[in-house]
């Protein structure tokens, strides 16, 4: 039994299929669908790429350095004159105080004249060379790597009371 409807479709009651009188070419439909999907994907990709570029620019703006540090004559500033050697007291307070204030491992204490006289029996130069090279438990330069030879000598004179 075939039922005729007022529309363009014919209903076959036996197998419940709907068929169209104006059939579309399936290949054309599939091609058009593929083209539509490709266009939509291209549009989405272009939009995502544009957002990535905008975000990258914002990130670069946020993390750029706020300034530069430049010291000395090459930057247009005044040349820095070399500093004077530190005094014996400055070197003592910065590097020697840890051992020579309490006599760690036999280190002569600051101001202990008898202990320093024993060290200075061979002369100030010999004591100074021992301080530069290290002796017994004392490391070279008394662990004051940035001290000049003159500053080490000033520290010995200060600790021994022979300033």
Protein backbone atom coordinates (compact mmCIF):
# COMPACT_ATOMS: atom_id res chain seq x y z
CA UNK A 1 0.00 0.00 0.00
CA UNK A 2 1.37 3.38 -0.99
CA UNK A 3 0.24 6.52 0.69
CA UNK A 4 0.46 9.71 -1.28
CA UNK A 5 1.12 12.85 0.73
CA UNK A 6 0.60 16.42 -0.36
CA UNK A 7 4.34 17.09 -0.06
CA UNK A 8 7.07 16.01 -2.41
CA UNK A 9 7.82 12.85 -0.45
CA UNK A 10 6.43 9.46 -1.07
CA UNK A 11 5.93 7.17 1.91
CA UNK A 12 6.13 3.49 1.33
CA UNK A 13 4.29 1.93 4.24
CA UNK A 14 5.79 -1.49 3.65
CA UNK A 15 9.40 -0.60 4.48
CA UNK A 16 9.00 2.85 6.10
CA UNK A 17 11.50 4.54 3.76
CA UNK A 18 11.30 8.16 2.79
CA UNK A 19 12.45 8.93 -0.71
CA UNK A 20 12.69 12.25 -2.45
CA UNK A 21 11.37 12.98 -5.87
CA UNK A 22 14.17 15.56 -6.35
CA UNK A 23 17.20 13.43 -5.52
CA UNK A 24 20.51 15.18 -4.83
CA UNK A 25 23.70 13.96 -6.30
CA UNK A 26 25.46 12.39 -3.30
CA UNK A 27 28.96 13.17 -4.60
CA UNK A 28 28.16 16.86 -4.91
CA UNK A 29 26.71 16.91 -1.42
CA UNK A 30 29.78 15.22 0.09
CA UNK A 31 32.12 17.60 -1.74
CA UNK A 32 30.18 20.61 -0.52
CA UNK A 33 30.20 19.25 3.05
CA UNK A 34 33.97 18.68 2.93
CA UNK A 35 34.52 22.20 1.60
CA UNK A 36 32.37 23.65 4.40
CA UNK A 37 34.25 21.68 7.07
CA UNK A 38 37.61 22.74 5.59
CA UNK A 39 36.55 26.40 5.56
CA UNK A 40 35.37 26.23 9.18
CA UNK A 41 38.61 24.51 10.29
CA UNK A 42 40.71 27.10 8.44
CA UNK A 43 38.81 29.92 10.09
CA UNK A 44 39.24 28.39 13.56
CA UNK A 45 42.97 27.81 13.00
CA UNK A 46 43.51 31.38 11.82
CA UNK A 47 41.67 32.71 14.86
CA UNK A 48 43.71 30.50 17.25
CA UNK A 49 46.97 31.60 15.59
CA UNK A 50 46.02 35.26 15.94
CA UNK A 51 45.24 34.76 19.64
CA UNK A 52 48.61 33.04 20.15
CA UNK A 53 50.46 35.98 18.57
CA UNK A 54 48.53 38.46 20.70
CA UNK A 55 49.27 36.48 23.87
CA UNK A 56 52.98 36.21 22.99
CA UNK A 57 53.17 39.98 22.54
CA UNK A 58 51.48 40.52 25.93
CA UNK A 59 53.90 38.10 27.61
CA UNK A 60 56.93 39.83 26.06
CA UNK A 61 55.60 43.16 27.29
CA UNK A 62 55.17 41.83 30.84
CA UNK A 63 58.62 40.23 31.15
CA UNK A 64 60.78 42.86 29.45
CA UNK A 65 63.51 44.42 31.61
CA UNK A 66 62.52 47.64 33.33
CA UNK A 67 65.99 49.15 33.18
CA UNK A 68 69.69 48.57 32.83
CA UNK A 69 72.56 48.77 35.26
CA UNK A 70 75.65 50.45 33.97
CA UNK A 71 78.64 51.58 36.01
CA UNK A 72 81.76 53.42 35.04
CA UNK A 73 83.08 55.62 32.31
CA UNK A 74 81.89 53.40 29.42
CA UNK A 75 78.29 54.21 30.39
CA UNK A 76 78.80 57.95 30.52
CA UNK A 77 79.28 58.00 34.28
CA UNK A 78 82.29 58.98 36.28
CA UNK A 79 85.21 56.60 36.40
CA UNK A 80 85.45 54.84 39.74
CA UNK A 81 88.72 55.50 41.50
CA UNK A 82 90.38 52.53 43.16
CA UNK A 83 89.57 52.29 46.84
CA UNK A 84 92.21 52.76 49.50
CA UNK A 85 93.38 49.60 51.22
CA UNK A 86 91.14 48.64 54.11
CA UNK A 87 92.39 49.31 57.58
CA UNK A 88 93.52 46.49 59.82
CA UNK A 89 90.38 46.90 61.92
CA UNK A 90 88.13 46.61 58.85
CA UNK A 91 89.88 43.42 57.69
CA UNK A 92 89.80 42.00 61.24
CA UNK A 93 86.06 42.69 61.59
CA UNK A 94 85.33 41.21 58.16
CA UNK A 95 87.52 38.11 58.02
CA UNK A 96 89.70 37.52 61.09
CA UNK A 97 87.27 37.99 63.96
CA UNK A 98 85.80 34.47 63.70
CA UNK A 99 89.04 32.79 64.81
CA UNK A 100 91.16 35.51 66.40
CA UNK A 101 88.48 36.82 68.78
CA UNK A 102 88.26 33.54 70.76
CA UNK A 103 91.50 31.79 69.80
CA UNK A 104 90.13 28.96 67.64
CA UNK A 105 92.69 26.11 67.27
CA UNK A 106 95.47 28.15 68.86
CA UNK A 107 94.98 31.36 66.87
CA UNK A 108 96.44 34.29 68.83
CA UNK A 109 93.64 36.50 70.16
CA UNK A 110 93.46 40.15 69.22
CA UNK A 111 95.36 42.14 71.78
CA UNK A 112 97.06 39.11 73.44
CA UNK A 113 100.54 40.64 73.45
CA UNK A 114 102.37 37.50 74.71
CA UNK A 115 100.85 35.25 72.01
CA UNK A 116 101.65 37.77 69.31
CA UNK A 117 105.21 38.34 70.58
CA UNK A 118 105.84 34.60 70.14
CA UNK A 119 104.57 34.79 66.53
CA UNK A 120 106.59 37.93 65.77
CA UNK A 121 109.96 36.65 67.11
CA UNK A 122 111.03 35.81 63.55
CA UNK A 123 109.97 39.25 62.38
CA UNK A 124 106.87 40.87 60.97
CA UNK A 125 107.75 39.77 57.42
CA UNK A 126 107.86 36.07 58.39
CA UNK A 127 104.51 36.32 60.20
CA UNK A 128 103.05 38.16 57.23
CA UNK A 129 104.27 35.42 54.80
CA UNK A 130 102.74 32.75 57.07
CA UNK A 131 99.43 34.63 56.94
CA UNK A 132 99.59 34.87 53.14
CA UNK A 133 100.45 31.18 52.65
CA UNK A 134 98.57 29.69 55.60
CA UNK A 135 100.04 27.97 58.64
CA UNK A 136 98.79 24.99 60.67
CA UNK A 137 94.98 25.40 60.87
CA UNK A 138 94.95 28.87 59.33
CA UNK A 139 94.05 28.82 55.61
CA UNK A 140 95.93 31.04 53.13
CA UNK A 141 95.08 34.71 53.62
CA UNK A 142 92.98 33.69 56.62
CA UNK A 143 90.06 32.99 54.23
CA UNK A 144 90.05 36.61 53.05
CA UNK A 145 90.42 35.94 49.33
CA UNK A 146 89.62 39.53 48.39
CA UNK A 147 92.22 41.01 50.76
CA UNK A 148 95.36 42.52 49.27
CA UNK A 149 98.79 41.75 50.72
CA UNK A 150 98.84 45.21 52.34
CA UNK A 151 95.44 44.63 53.95
CA UNK A 152 96.66 41.32 55.45
CA UNK A 153 99.68 43.17 56.86
CA UNK A 154 97.39 45.87 58.29
CA UNK A 155 95.26 43.17 59.98
CA UNK A 156 98.36 41.56 61.57
CA UNK A 157 99.52 44.92 62.89
CA UNK A 158 96.04 45.68 64.25
CA UNK A 159 95.59 42.30 66.00
CA UNK A 160 99.12 42.35 67.48
CA UNK A 161 98.77 45.93 68.72
CA UNK A 162 101.60 47.20 66.50
CA UNK A 163 99.62 49.58 64.33
